[in-house]
C-alpha atoms as a PDB file:
ATOM      1  CA  MET A   1      31.089 -29.458  50.099  1.00  0.00           C
ATOM      2  CA  SER A   2      34.684 -28.818  49.224  1.00  0.00           C
ATOM      3  CA  LEU A   3      35.469 -25.984  46.639  1.00  0.00           C
ATOM      4  CA  SER A   4      36.687 -28.582  43.906  1.00  0.00           C
ATOM      5  CA  VAL A   5      33.467 -30.646  44.546  1.00  0.00           C
ATOM      6  CA  PHE A   6      31.536 -27.276  44.123  1.00  0.00           C
ATOM      7  CA  ALA A   7      33.372 -26.325  41.008  1.00  0.00           C
ATOM      8  CA  VAL A   8      32.612 -29.845  39.458  1.00  0.00           C
ATOM      9  CA  ALA A   9      28.958 -29.398  40.327  1.00  0.00           C
ATOM     10  CA  GLU A  10      29.010 -26.173  38.443  1.00  0.00           C
ATOM     11  CA  GLU A  11      30.218 -27.938  35.341  1.00  0.00           C
ATOM     12  CA  GLY A  12      33.720 -27.349  36.089  1.00  0.00           C
ATOM     13  CA  THR A  13      36.661 -29.914  36.035  1.00  0.00           C
ATOM     14  CA  VAL A  14      39.674 -30.474  37.957  1.00  0.00           C
ATOM     15  CA  CYS A  15      42.842 -30.742  35.812  1.00  0.00           C
ATOM     16  CA  SER A  16      46.425 -29.957  35.634  1.00  0.00           C
ATOM     17  CA  TRP A  17      47.072 -26.103  35.444  1.00  0.00           C
ATOM     18  CA  LYS A  18      48.158 -26.291  31.904  1.00  0.00           C
ATOM     19  CA  ALA A  19      44.805 -27.560  30.668  1.00  0.00           C
ATOM     20  CA  ALA A  20      42.751 -25.371  32.919  1.00  0.00           C
ATOM     21  CA  ASP A  21      40.443 -22.539  31.559  1.00  0.00           C
ATOM     22  CA  TYR A  22      40.474 -21.067  35.226  1.00  0.00           C
ATOM     23  CA  LEU A  23      43.317 -21.251  37.802  1.00  0.00           C
ATOM     24  CA  PHE A  24      42.493 -20.640  41.639  1.00  0.00           C
ATOM     25  CA  SER A  25      44.872 -20.293  44.515  1.00  0.00           C
ATOM     26  CA  ALA A  26      44.500 -19.176  48.200  1.00  0.00           C
ATOM     27  CA  ASP A  27      48.107 -18.150  48.468  1.00  0.00           C
ATOM     28  CA  ALA A  28      50.124 -16.233  45.919  1.00  0.00           C
ATOM     29  CA  SER A  29      53.419 -17.276  47.676  1.00  0.00           C
ATOM     30  CA  SER A  30      52.722 -21.028  47.419  1.00  0.00           C
ATOM     31  CA  ALA A  31      55.259 -22.872  45.432  1.00  0.00           C
ATOM     32  CA  ASP A  32      52.646 -24.201  42.882  1.00  0.00           C
ATOM     33  CA  THR A  33      51.337 -20.771  42.468  1.00  0.00           C
ATOM     34  CA  GLU A  34      54.758 -19.044  42.159  1.00  0.00           C
ATOM     35  CA  ARG A  35      55.563 -21.630  39.437  1.00  0.00           C
ATOM     36  CA  ILE A  36      52.524 -20.453  37.468  1.00  0.00           C
ATOM     37  CA  PHE A  37      53.600 -16.697  37.923  1.00  0.00           C
ATOM     38  CA  TYR A  38      56.890 -17.505  36.557  1.00  0.00           C
ATOM     39  CA  SER A  39      55.599 -19.499  33.511  1.00  0.00           C
ATOM     40  CA  ARG A  40      55.852 -18.453  30.039  1.00  0.00           C
ATOM     41  CA  ASP A  41      52.135 -18.497  29.554  1.00  0.00           C
ATOM     42  CA  TYR A  42      51.585 -16.138  32.680  1.00  0.00           C
ATOM     43  CA  VAL A  43      54.382 -13.782  31.699  1.00  0.00           C
ATOM     44  CA  ARG A  44      52.789 -13.536  28.165  1.00  0.00           C
ATOM     45  CA  ASN A  45      49.298 -12.802  29.639  1.00  0.00           C
ATOM     46  CA  ASN A  46      47.892 -16.065  28.480  1.00  0.00           C
ATOM     47  CA  LEU A  47      46.517 -16.996  31.647  1.00  0.00           C
ATOM     48  CA  THR A  48      45.231 -15.601  35.057  1.00  0.00           C
ATOM     49  CA  VAL A  49      45.217 -16.706  38.471  1.00  0.00           C
ATOM     50  CA  PHE A  50      42.027 -15.846  40.667  1.00  0.00           C
ATOM     51  CA  HIS A  51      41.626 -16.125  44.278  1.00  0.00           C
ATOM     52  CA  SER A  52      40.021 -19.202  45.401  1.00  0.00           C
ATOM     53  CA  LYS A  53      37.755 -17.102  47.659  1.00  0.00           C
ATOM     54  CA  PHE A  54      35.694 -16.685  44.441  1.00  0.00           C
ATOM     55  CA  LEU A  55      34.586 -20.198  44.702  1.00  0.00           C
ATOM     56  CA  SER A  56      33.605 -19.882  48.383  1.00  0.00           C
ATOM     57  CA  VAL A  57      31.502 -16.618  47.582  1.00  0.00           C
ATOM     58  CA  CYS A  58      29.800 -18.483  44.534  1.00  0.00           C
ATOM     59  CA  ARG A  59      29.026 -21.353  46.832  1.00  0.00           C
ATOM     60  CA  LEU A  60      27.349 -18.974  49.395  1.00  0.00           C
ATOM     61  CA  ARG A  61      25.454 -17.350  46.794  1.00  0.00           C
ATOM     62  CA  LYS A  62      24.778 -20.642  44.876  1.00  0.00           C
ATOM     63  CA  SER A  63      25.630 -18.971  41.756  1.00  0.00           C
ATOM     64  CA  VAL A  64      28.689 -18.580  39.732  1.00  0.00           C
ATOM     65  CA  THR A  65      27.151 -15.938  37.454  1.00  0.00           C
ATOM     66  CA  SER A  66      26.258 -13.442  40.294  1.00  0.00           C
ATOM     67  CA  VAL A  67      29.863 -12.885  41.482  1.00  0.00           C
ATOM     68  CA  PRO A  68      32.286 -10.683  39.282  1.00  0.00           C
ATOM     69  CA  ILE A  69      35.182 -12.931  38.704  1.00  0.00           C
ATOM     70  CA  GLY A  70      37.594  -9.723  37.957  1.00  0.00           C
ATOM     71  CA  HIS A  71      37.600  -8.730  41.617  1.00  0.00           C
ATOM     72  CA  TYR A  72      39.412 -12.021  42.450  1.00  0.00           C
ATOM     73  CA  VAL A  73      42.516 -11.734  40.304  1.00  0.00           C
ATOM     74  CA  LEU A  74      45.349 -12.853  42.321  1.00  0.00           C
ATOM     75  CA  PRO A  75      48.382 -10.979  41.507  1.00  0.00           C
ATOM     76  CA  PRO A  76      52.007 -12.183  42.315  1.00  0.00           C
ATOM     77  CA  GLU A  77      52.854 -11.564  46.053  1.00  0.00           C
ATOM     78  CA  ALA A  78      55.712  -9.407  44.978  1.00  0.00           C
ATOM     79  CA  ILE A  79      53.333  -6.596  43.723  1.00  0.00           C
ATOM     80  CA  GLN A  80      50.363  -7.097  46.142  1.00  0.00           C
ATOM     81  CA  ASN A  81      51.415  -4.222  48.259  1.00  0.00           C
ATOM     82  CA  GLU A  82      51.895  -1.785  45.381  1.00  0.00           C
ATOM     83  CA  ILE A  83      48.289  -2.712  44.218  1.00  0.00           C
ATOM     84  CA  ARG A  84      46.880  -2.415  47.802  1.00  0.00           C
ATOM     85  CA  ALA A  85      48.342   1.003  48.067  1.00  0.00           C
ATOM     86  CA  VAL A  86      46.206   2.093  45.123  1.00  0.00           C
ATOM     87  CA  ILE A  87      43.017  -0.026  45.656  1.00  0.00           C
ATOM     88  CA  GLY A  88      42.828  -0.624  49.378  1.00  0.00           C
ATOM     89  CA  GLN A  89      41.990  -4.181  50.489  1.00  0.00           C
ATOM     90  CA  TYR A  90      41.597  -6.928  48.126  1.00  0.00           C
ATOM     91  CA  ILE A  91      37.992  -8.088  48.107  1.00  0.00           C
ATOM     92  CA  TRP A  92      38.970 -11.529  49.545  1.00  0.00           C
ATOM     93  CA  GLU A  93      40.686  -9.696  52.411  1.00  0.00           C
ATOM     94  CA  THR A  94      37.221  -8.087  53.617  1.00  0.00           C
ATOM     95  CA  GLU A  95      34.393  -9.861  55.567  1.00  0.00           C
ATOM     96  CA  GLU A  96      31.982  -8.485  53.066  1.00  0.00           C
ATOM     97  CA  GLN A  97      31.575 -10.309  49.737  1.00  0.00           C
END
């Protein structure tokens, strides 16, 4: 089952990023994700991008409520190393979820 199919099965919808309640990306450096990071809504803290690994872990656990979504906030690539220096590995970079 693909992640988008899983999200829909969990009562989510697939829509444009401007209409979404939650945004997921596997790559902070992708052109689409970078456009979001430079958007007015992102700069004004009106939206957050989460790593798509969140959905993978939820699918494995068969639950979206047992995985803390805050651990999967995906920051822009330009600041990831600064954050990594403070927190160590991001949760999506580890084998253990």
